[in-house]
C-alpha atoms as a PDB file:
ATOM      1  CA  MET A   1       0.717 -16.825  10.650  1.00  0.00           C
ATOM      2  CA  LYS A   2      -1.410 -14.619   8.869  1.00  0.00           C
ATOM      3  CA  ILE A   3       0.179 -11.009   7.740  1.00  0.00           C
ATOM      4  CA  ALA A   4      -2.470  -9.131   6.410  1.00  0.00           C
ATOM      5  CA  LEU A   5      -1.311  -5.972   4.744  1.00  0.00           C
ATOM      6  CA  PHE A   6      -2.418  -3.228   2.304  1.00  0.00           C
ATOM      7  CA  SER A   7      -2.056  -0.081   1.216  1.00  0.00           C
ATOM      8  CA  ASP A   8      -3.211   3.332  -0.976  1.00  0.00           C
ATOM      9  CA  ILE A   9      -6.875   3.580   0.406  1.00  0.00           C
ATOM     10  CA  HIS A  10      -6.702   7.007  -0.757  1.00  0.00           C
ATOM     11  CA  ALA A  11      -9.842   8.383   1.571  1.00  0.00           C
ATOM     12  CA  ASN A  12     -12.044   6.263   0.121  1.00  0.00           C
ATOM     13  CA  LEU A  13     -14.193   5.101   3.207  1.00  0.00           C
ATOM     14  CA  PRO A  14     -16.926   2.696   1.537  1.00  0.00           C
ATOM     15  CA  ALA A  15     -13.678   0.479   0.103  1.00  0.00           C
ATOM     16  CA  MET A  16     -11.943   0.980   3.667  1.00  0.00           C
ATOM     17  CA  GLU A  17     -15.458  -0.703   5.472  1.00  0.00           C
ATOM     18  CA  ALA A  18     -15.130  -3.584   3.286  1.00  0.00           C
ATOM     19  CA  LEU A  19     -11.406  -4.370   3.457  1.00  0.00           C
ATOM     20  CA  LEU A  20     -12.153  -4.035   7.338  1.00  0.00           C
ATOM     21  CA  THR A  21     -15.296  -6.320   7.251  1.00  0.00           C
ATOM     22  CA  ASP A  22     -13.128  -8.926   5.705  1.00  0.00           C
ATOM     23  CA  PHE A  23     -10.758  -8.998   8.177  1.00  0.00           C
ATOM     24  CA  GLU A  24     -13.691 -10.697  10.192  1.00  0.00           C
ATOM     25  CA  ARG A  25     -13.528 -13.008   7.545  1.00  0.00           C
ATOM     26  CA  THR A  26     -10.213 -13.959   7.183  1.00  0.00           C
ATOM     27  CA  LYS A  27      -9.275 -13.801  10.807  1.00  0.00           C
ATOM     28  CA  PRO A  28      -5.081 -12.302  10.142  1.00  0.00           C
ATOM     29  CA  ASP A  29      -3.265 -12.214  13.187  1.00  0.00           C
ATOM     30  CA  ALA A  30      -1.280  -8.951  12.612  1.00  0.00           C
ATOM     31  CA  ILE A  31      -2.162  -6.310   9.933  1.00  0.00           C
ATOM     32  CA  TYR A  32      -0.085  -3.843   8.604  1.00  0.00           C
ATOM     33  CA  CYS A  33      -0.970  -0.547   6.038  1.00  0.00           C
ATOM     34  CA  LEU A  34       1.820   0.685   3.674  1.00  0.00           C
ATOM     35  CA  GLY A  35       0.354   4.131   3.719  1.00  0.00           C
ATOM     36  CA  ASP A  36      -1.672   6.859   1.045  1.00  0.00           C
ATOM     37  CA  LEU A  37      -4.706   7.578   3.404  1.00  0.00           C
ATOM     38  CA  VAL A  38      -5.788  10.243   1.557  1.00  0.00           C
ATOM     39  CA  GLY A  39      -6.471  12.298  -1.496  1.00  0.00           C
ATOM     40  CA  TYR A  40      -8.648  11.446  -4.283  1.00  0.00           C
ATOM     41  CA  ASN A  41     -11.997  11.505  -2.661  1.00  0.00           C
ATOM     42  CA  ILE A  42     -13.810  12.971   0.393  1.00  0.00           C
ATOM     43  CA  TRP A  43     -13.563  10.838   3.620  1.00  0.00           C
ATOM     44  CA  PRO A  44      -9.723  11.495   4.600  1.00  0.00           C
ATOM     45  CA  ASN A  45     -10.703  12.014   8.165  1.00  0.00           C
ATOM     46  CA  GLU A  46     -12.647   9.161   8.454  1.00  0.00           C
ATOM     47  CA  VAL A  47     -10.159   6.583   6.418  1.00  0.00           C
ATOM     48  CA  ILE A  48      -7.530   7.652   9.311  1.00  0.00           C
ATOM     49  CA  GLN A  49      -9.519   7.500  12.363  1.00  0.00           C
ATOM     50  CA  GLU A  50     -10.494   3.847  11.166  1.00  0.00           C
ATOM     51  CA  ILE A  51      -7.019   3.065  11.130  1.00  0.00           C
ATOM     52  CA  ARG A  52      -6.144   4.863  14.620  1.00  0.00           C
ATOM     53  CA  LYS A  53      -8.578   3.557  16.377  1.00  0.00           C
ATOM     54  CA  ARG A  54      -7.921  -0.035  15.739  1.00  0.00           C
ATOM     55  CA  GLY A  55      -4.276   0.234  16.439  1.00  0.00           C
ATOM     56  CA  ILE A  56      -3.489  -0.778  12.991  1.00  0.00           C
ATOM     57  CA  PRO A  57       0.673  -0.130  12.504  1.00  0.00           C
ATOM     58  CA  CYS A  58       1.125   2.601   9.229  1.00  0.00           C
ATOM     59  CA  ILE A  59       3.534   3.621   7.456  1.00  0.00           C
ATOM     60  CA  ALA A  60       3.748   7.163   5.191  1.00  0.00           C
ATOM     61  CA  GLY A  61       2.758   7.291   1.583  1.00  0.00           C
ATOM     62  CA  ASN A  62       3.755   9.965  -0.266  1.00  0.00           C
ATOM     63  CA  TYR A  63       0.156  11.537  -0.475  1.00  0.00           C
ATOM     64  CA  ASP A  64       0.312  11.410   3.607  1.00  0.00           C
ATOM     65  CA  PHE A  65       3.507  12.619   3.713  1.00  0.00           C
ATOM     66  CA  GLY A  66       2.369  16.182   1.639  1.00  0.00           C
ATOM     67  CA  VAL A  67      -0.740  16.407   3.430  1.00  0.00           C
ATOM     68  CA  GLY A  68       1.134  15.618   6.748  1.00  0.00           C
ATOM     69  CA  ARG A  69       2.849  18.944   6.382  1.00  0.00           C
ATOM     70  CA  ASN A  70       0.072  21.062   4.533  1.00  0.00           C
ATOM     71  CA  SER A  71       2.072  20.767   1.028  1.00  0.00           C
ATOM     72  CA  ASP A  72       0.839  21.526  -2.048  1.00  0.00           C
ATOM     73  CA  ASP A  73       2.676  18.841  -3.547  1.00  0.00           C
ATOM     74  CA  CYS A  74       1.778  14.901  -2.937  1.00  0.00           C
ATOM     75  CA  GLY A  75       4.775  13.574  -4.549  1.00  0.00           C
ATOM     76  CA  CYS A  76       3.036  11.841  -7.555  1.00  0.00           C
ATOM     77  CA  ALA A  77       4.518  11.448 -10.942  1.00  0.00           C
ATOM     78  CA  TYR A  78       1.674  12.738 -13.468  1.00  0.00           C
ATOM     79  CA  LYS A  79       2.507  12.280 -16.635  1.00  0.00           C
ATOM     80  CA  THR A  80       0.019  15.170 -18.513  1.00  0.00           C
ATOM     81  CA  GLU A  81      -0.329  19.238 -17.355  1.00  0.00           C
ATOM     82  CA  GLU A  82      -4.378  17.494 -17.130  1.00  0.00           C
ATOM     83  CA  ASP A  83      -3.349  15.022 -14.700  1.00  0.00           C
ATOM     84  CA  LYS A  84      -0.722  17.534 -12.941  1.00  0.00           C
ATOM     85  CA  ALA A  85      -3.699  19.822 -12.845  1.00  0.00           C
ATOM     86  CA  MET A  86      -6.354  17.531 -11.734  1.00  0.00           C
ATOM     87  CA  GLY A  87      -3.816  16.622  -8.960  1.00  0.00           C
ATOM     88  CA  ALA A  88      -3.619  20.069  -7.772  1.00  0.00           C
ATOM     89  CA  GLN A  89      -7.411  19.756  -6.756  1.00  0.00           C
ATOM     90  CA  SER A  90      -7.005  16.136  -5.124  1.00  0.00           C
ATOM     91  CA  ILE A  91      -4.444  17.328  -2.781  1.00  0.00           C
ATOM     92  CA  GLY A  92      -6.123  21.278  -2.654  1.00  0.00           C
ATOM     93  CA  LEU A  93      -9.295  19.265  -1.267  1.00  0.00           C
ATOM     94  CA  THR A  94      -7.205  17.092   1.026  1.00  0.00           C
ATOM     95  CA  ASN A  95      -5.895  20.021   2.772  1.00  0.00           C
ATOM     96  CA  GLN A  96      -9.246  21.894   3.035  1.00  0.00           C
ATOM     97  CA  LEU A  97     -10.928  18.722   4.485  1.00  0.00           C
ATOM     98  CA  ILE A  98      -8.215  17.186   7.003  1.00  0.00           C
ATOM     99  CA  GLY A  99      -8.728  17.955  10.538  1.00  0.00           C
ATOM    100  CA  GLU A 100      -5.602  19.705  12.381  1.00  0.00           C
ATOM    101  CA  GLU A 101      -5.222  15.853  14.530  1.00  0.00           C
ATOM    102  CA  GLU A 102      -5.681  13.752  11.626  1.00  0.00           C
ATOM    103  CA  ARG A 103      -2.928  15.813  10.187  1.00  0.00           C
ATOM    104  CA  GLN A 104      -0.630  15.441  13.230  1.00  0.00           C
ATOM    105  CA  TYR A 105      -0.854  11.546  12.615  1.00  0.00           C
ATOM    106  CA  LEU A 106      -0.088  12.057   9.014  1.00  0.00           C
ATOM    107  CA  ARG A 107       3.328  13.924   9.716  1.00  0.00           C
ATOM    108  CA  THR A 108       4.269  11.462  12.418  1.00  0.00           C
ATOM    109  CA  LEU A 109       3.889   7.837  10.650  1.00  0.00           C
ATOM    110  CA  PRO A 110       7.228   6.145  10.342  1.00  0.00           C
ATOM    111  CA  ALA A 111       8.937   5.919   6.919  1.00  0.00           C
ATOM    112  CA  HIS A 112       9.492   1.758   7.095  1.00  0.00           C
ATOM    113  CA  ILE A 113       8.620  -0.922   9.095  1.00  0.00           C
ATOM    114  CA  GLN A 114      11.200  -3.618   9.735  1.00  0.00           C
ATOM    115  CA  LEU A 115      10.197  -7.267  11.314  1.00  0.00           C
ATOM    116  CA  GLU A 116      12.649  -9.914  11.777  1.00  0.00           C
ATOM    117  CA  TYR A 117      11.466 -13.201  12.627  1.00  0.00           C
ATOM    118  CA  GLN A 118      13.845 -16.427  14.005  1.00  0.00           C
ATOM    119  CA  LEU A 119      11.642 -18.935  13.396  1.00  0.00           C
ATOM    120  CA  ASN A 120      13.948 -21.929  13.176  1.00  0.00           C
ATOM    121  CA  GLN A 121      17.383 -21.640  12.595  1.00  0.00           C
ATOM    122  CA  ASP A 122      17.021 -19.111   9.525  1.00  0.00           C
ATOM    123  CA  LYS A 123      16.323 -15.472  10.093  1.00  0.00           C
ATOM    124  CA  LEU A 124      13.687 -14.174   8.114  1.00  0.00           C
ATOM    125  CA  PHE A 125      13.927  -9.964   7.306  1.00  0.00           C
ATOM    126  CA  LEU A 126      10.595  -8.755   6.092  1.00  0.00           C
ATOM    127  CA  LEU A 127      10.727  -5.056   5.087  1.00  0.00           C
ATOM    128  CA  MET A 128       7.603  -2.661   4.483  1.00  0.00           C
ATOM    129  CA  VAL A 129       7.884   0.221   2.389  1.00  0.00           C
ATOM    130  CA  HIS A 130       5.358   2.594   0.262  1.00  0.00           C
ATOM    131  CA  GLY A 131       7.156   3.359  -2.969  1.00  0.00           C
ATOM    132  CA  SER A 132      10.630   1.649  -2.334  1.00  0.00           C
ATOM    133  CA  PRO A 133      13.393   1.736   0.830  1.00  0.00           C
ATOM    134  CA  ARG A 134      15.472   4.540  -0.974  1.00  0.00           C
ATOM    135  CA  LYS A 135      12.426   6.660  -1.924  1.00  0.00           C
ATOM    136  CA  ILE A 136       8.407   6.964  -0.361  1.00  0.00           C
ATOM    137  CA  ASN A 137       7.616   7.528  -4.098  1.00  0.00           C
ATOM    138  CA  GLU A 138       9.572   5.926  -6.208  1.00  0.00           C
ATOM    139  CA  TYR A 139       7.295   3.214  -8.239  1.00  0.00           C
ATOM    140  CA  LEU A 140       8.643  -0.475  -8.286  1.00  0.00           C
ATOM    141  CA  PHE A 141       6.795  -1.488 -11.506  1.00  0.00           C
ATOM    142  CA  GLU A 142       6.684  -5.274 -12.389  1.00  0.00           C
ATOM    143  CA  ASP A 143       8.949  -4.845 -15.501  1.00  0.00           C
ATOM    144  CA  ARG A 144      11.725  -3.467 -13.343  1.00  0.00           C
ATOM    145  CA  GLU A 145      14.875  -5.208 -14.189  1.00  0.00           C
ATOM    146  CA  GLU A 146      15.599  -7.891 -12.200  1.00  0.00           C
ATOM    147  CA  LYS A 147      19.138  -6.836 -11.377  1.00  0.00           C
ATOM    148  CA  SER A 148      17.810  -3.557 -10.354  1.00  0.00           C
ATOM    149  CA  MET A 149      15.077  -5.428  -7.642  1.00  0.00           C
ATOM    150  CA  ILE A 150      17.703  -7.691  -5.941  1.00  0.00           C
ATOM    151  CA  ARG A 151      20.103  -4.839  -5.279  1.00  0.00           C
ATOM    152  CA  ILE A 152      17.110  -2.649  -3.321  1.00  0.00           C
ATOM    153  CA  MET A 153      16.654  -5.736  -1.732  1.00  0.00           C
ATOM    154  CA  GLU A 154      20.291  -6.654  -0.910  1.00  0.00           C
ATOM    155  CA  GLU A 155      21.252  -3.140   0.081  1.00  0.00           C
ATOM    156  CA  ARG A 156      18.284  -3.227   3.228  1.00  0.00           C
ATOM    157  CA  ASN A 157      18.740  -7.212   3.837  1.00  0.00           C
ATOM    158  CA  ALA A 158      15.132  -8.177   2.840  1.00  0.00           C
ATOM    159  CA  ASP A 159      14.260 -11.427   2.314  1.00  0.00           C
ATOM    160  CA  ILE A 160      10.372 -10.002   1.477  1.00  0.00           C
ATOM    161  CA  MET A 161       9.751  -6.829   0.494  1.00  0.00           C
ATOM    162  CA  PHE A 162       5.872  -5.334   0.652  1.00  0.00           C
ATOM    163  CA  PHE A 163       5.448  -2.128  -0.778  1.00  0.00           C
ATOM    164  CA  GLY A 164       2.206  -0.525  -2.744  1.00  0.00           C
ATOM    165  CA  HIS A 165       2.343   3.027  -4.776  1.00  0.00           C
ATOM    166  CA  THR A 166       1.852   1.356  -8.046  1.00  0.00           C
ATOM    167  CA  HIS A 167      -1.948   0.585  -7.492  1.00  0.00           C
ATOM    168  CA  LYS A 168      -1.077  -2.894  -9.772  1.00  0.00           C
ATOM    169  CA  PRO A 169      -0.398  -6.343  -7.164  1.00  0.00           C
ATOM    170  CA  TYR A 170       2.707  -8.321  -7.929  1.00  0.00           C
ATOM    171  CA  HIS A 171       4.576 -11.336  -6.263  1.00  0.00           C
ATOM    172  CA  ARG A 172       8.089 -11.891  -8.323  1.00  0.00           C
ATOM    173  CA  CYS A 173      10.528 -14.050  -6.888  1.00  0.00           C
ATOM    174  CA  PHE A 174      14.815 -13.850  -7.241  1.00  0.00           C
ATOM    175  CA  GLU A 175      16.782 -16.752  -7.419  1.00  0.00           C
ATOM    176  CA  TYR A 176      20.077 -15.940  -5.203  1.00  0.00           C
ATOM    177  CA  GLU A 177      23.416 -18.200  -3.335  1.00  0.00           C
ATOM    178  CA  ILE A 178      24.298 -18.255  -0.096  1.00  0.00           C
ATOM    179  CA  GLU A 179      26.542 -20.391   1.916  1.00  0.00           C
ATOM    180  CA  ASP A 180      26.201 -22.526  -1.296  1.00  0.00           C
ATOM    181  CA  LYS A 181      22.729 -23.046  -1.123  1.00  0.00           C
ATOM    182  CA  LYS A 182      20.122 -21.484  -3.174  1.00  0.00           C
ATOM    183  CA  ALA A 183      18.191 -18.913  -1.581  1.00  0.00           C
ATOM    184  CA  TYR A 184      15.036 -16.326  -2.637  1.00  0.00           C
ATOM    185  CA  ARG A 185      13.712 -12.743  -2.014  1.00  0.00           C
ATOM    186  CA  HIS A 186      10.233 -12.037  -2.365  1.00  0.00           C
ATOM    187  CA  ALA A 187       9.363  -9.104  -3.646  1.00  0.00           C
ATOM    188  CA  ILE A 188       5.464  -8.196  -3.298  1.00  0.00           C
ATOM    189  CA  ASN A 189       3.810  -4.873  -4.510  1.00  0.00           C
ATOM    190  CA  LEU A 190       0.035  -4.495  -2.284  1.00  0.00           C
ATOM    191  CA  GLY A 191      -2.048  -2.897  -5.330  1.00  0.00           C
ATOM    192  CA  SER A 192      -4.817  -0.824  -3.966  1.00  0.00           C
ATOM    193  CA  VAL A 193      -7.596  -0.913  -0.982  1.00  0.00           C
ATOM    194  CA  GLY A 194      -9.068   2.464  -2.659  1.00  0.00           C
ATOM    195  CA  LYS A 195      -7.514   2.814  -5.895  1.00  0.00           C
ATOM    196  CA  PRO A 196      -7.045  -0.345  -8.118  1.00  0.00           C
ATOM    197  CA  LYS A 197      -5.070   0.466 -11.638  1.00  0.00           C
ATOM    198  CA  ASP A 198      -5.249  -3.483 -13.063  1.00  0.00           C
ATOM    199  CA  GLY A 199      -8.093  -3.762 -14.406  1.00  0.00           C
ATOM    200  CA  ASP A 200      -9.822  -5.040 -11.228  1.00  0.00           C
ATOM    201  CA  PRO A 201     -12.122  -2.243  -9.650  1.00  0.00           C
ATOM    202  CA  ARG A 202     -12.389  -4.480  -6.210  1.00  0.00           C
ATOM    203  CA  GLY A 203     -10.142  -3.671  -3.500  1.00  0.00           C
ATOM    204  CA  CYS A 204      -6.795  -5.813  -3.182  1.00  0.00           C
ATOM    205  CA  TYR A 205      -4.830  -6.589  -0.268  1.00  0.00           C
ATOM    206  CA  VAL A 206      -2.526  -9.341   0.773  1.00  0.00           C
ATOM    207  CA  MET A 207      -2.484 -12.228   3.089  1.00  0.00           C
ATOM    208  CA  ALA A 208       0.933 -13.411   3.804  1.00  0.00           C
ATOM    209  CA  HIS A 209       1.177 -17.137   5.603  1.00  0.00           C
ATOM    210  CA  ILE A 210       4.734 -17.234   7.406  1.00  0.00           C
ATOM    211  CA  ASN A 211       5.134 -20.621   9.645  1.00  0.00           C
ATOM    212  CA  ASP A 212       7.602 -21.950  11.745  1.00  0.00           C
ATOM    213  CA  ASN A 213       8.774 -23.645   8.595  1.00  0.00           C
ATOM    214  CA  SER A 214       9.393 -20.522   6.641  1.00  0.00           C
ATOM    215  CA  SER A 215      12.974 -20.133   5.444  1.00  0.00           C
ATOM    216  CA  LYS A 216      14.370 -17.880   2.653  1.00  0.00           C
ATOM    217  CA  PHE A 217      15.779 -20.939   1.579  1.00  0.00           C
ATOM    218  CA  ASP A 218      12.453 -22.587   0.664  1.00  0.00           C
ATOM    219  CA  LYS A 219      10.501 -20.503  -1.810  1.00  0.00           C
ATOM    220  CA  GLU A 220       7.165 -22.559  -1.284  1.00  0.00           C
ATOM    221  CA  SER A 221       7.414 -22.008   2.574  1.00  0.00           C
ATOM    222  CA  ILE A 222       6.669 -18.468   2.073  1.00  0.00           C
ATOM    223  CA  GLN A 223       3.172 -18.265   0.381  1.00  0.00           C
ATOM    224  CA  ILE A 224       1.038 -14.831  -0.518  1.00  0.00           C
ATOM    225  CA  GLU A 225      -2.570 -14.506  -1.104  1.00  0.00           C
ATOM    226  CA  PHE A 226      -3.826 -11.585  -3.177  1.00  0.00           C
ATOM    227  CA  ILE A 227      -7.062 -10.989  -1.826  1.00  0.00           C
ATOM    228  CA  ARG A 228     -10.124  -9.323  -3.636  1.00  0.00           C
ATOM    229  CA  VAL A 229     -12.695  -7.398  -1.726  1.00  0.00           C
ATOM    230  CA  GLU A 230     -16.079  -6.300  -3.098  1.00  0.00           C
ATOM    231  CA  TYR A 231     -17.509  -2.908  -1.813  1.00  0.00           C
ATOM    232  CA  ASP A 232     -19.660  -0.196  -3.274  1.00  0.00           C
ATOM    233  CA  ILE A 233     -17.902   1.570  -6.037  1.00  0.00           C
ATOM    234  CA  GLU A 234     -20.861   3.393  -6.963  1.00  0.00           C
ATOM    235  CA  LYS A 235     -21.156   5.382  -3.441  1.00  0.00           C
ATOM    236  CA  ALA A 236     -17.529   6.334  -3.364  1.00  0.00           C
ATOM    237  CA  ALA A 237     -17.293   7.370  -6.976  1.00  0.00           C
ATOM    238  CA  LYS A 238     -21.031   9.687  -6.702  1.00  0.00           C
ATOM    239  CA  ALA A 239     -19.211  11.245  -3.402  1.00  0.00           C
ATOM    240  CA  ILE A 240     -16.550  12.345  -6.269  1.00  0.00           C
ATOM    241  CA  GLU A 241     -19.272  13.781  -8.561  1.00  0.00           C
ATOM    242  CA  ASN A 242     -20.844  15.707  -6.015  1.00  0.00           C
ATOM    243  CA  SER A 243     -17.612  17.048  -4.970  1.00  0.00           C
ATOM    244  CA  ILE A 244     -15.175  19.634  -6.618  1.00  0.00           C
ATOM    245  CA  LEU A 245     -13.146  16.451  -7.161  1.00  0.00           C
ATOM    246  CA  PRO A 246     -12.837  15.698 -11.504  1.00  0.00           C
ATOM    247  CA  ASN A 247     -15.618  13.641 -12.236  1.00  0.00           C
ATOM    248  CA  ALA A 248     -12.377  11.693 -14.358  1.00  0.00           C
ATOM    249  CA  TYR A 249     -11.530  10.140 -10.827  1.00  0.00           C
ATOM    250  CA  ALA A 250     -15.411   8.783 -10.160  1.00  0.00           C
ATOM    251  CA  ASP A 251     -14.339   6.974 -13.749  1.00  0.00           C
ATOM    252  CA  MET A 252     -11.159   5.686 -12.331  1.00  0.00           C
ATOM    253  CA  LEU A 253     -12.743   3.954  -9.553  1.00  0.00           C
ATOM    254  CA  ARG A 254     -15.632   2.304 -11.849  1.00  0.00           C
ATOM    255  CA  LYS A 255     -12.799   0.892 -14.116  1.00  0.00           C
ATOM    256  CA  ALA A 256      -9.716   0.327 -12.373  1.00  0.00           C
ATOM    257  CA  TYR A 257      -7.192   2.784 -14.197  1.00  0.00           C
END
């Protein structure tokens, strides 16, 4: 089974359209979205409509949570007053653009998705969150202390945890012992479709390969593939520059920071 997971589109319709086109090539068996459909660009309604039209299961990101409640707080951890002021412009415009039906959709998105697979003698538990299981806007960066990551996953009995929010993709695997055997937990950050921050401006999503031999006791039986997607970055960047949004957001798209 091939499971496609993506996150953090942030109203970038050209990136979303390129992602959907790539799904026609990779042909996933299931697709999940881990939130932050809106913010930072001019197409919040169109992105939501694409998700809804295809019936893609989706959870709420911190931006979705704020806009769904018509709040002026996106739950973002801005580091400077300049970043905070720019963020205020972004969520302000999003709240102006969003349709009532689309806002209602955001308001009713679930916080988490949990799946249980019974593929062989072992159960396999998958958890999908936006930031972390504890908080929608908690950042789980790649350098997070191993003990902390293991504890977070243990608390939710997650063999595989998928998340976004940082816009920086990675896959970490943690070894532990159960029933006198080595077992493994996988933590996978999906990166971002519409606003990457890892120096690669292409959209990013994950394809998880799970088969009837997949098990928490076999590290290699769970394969994680990061797929980058080319899209019309200039179209998305110029849309920002032609709006009231700060031009810095266009520069971020072009340089992926």
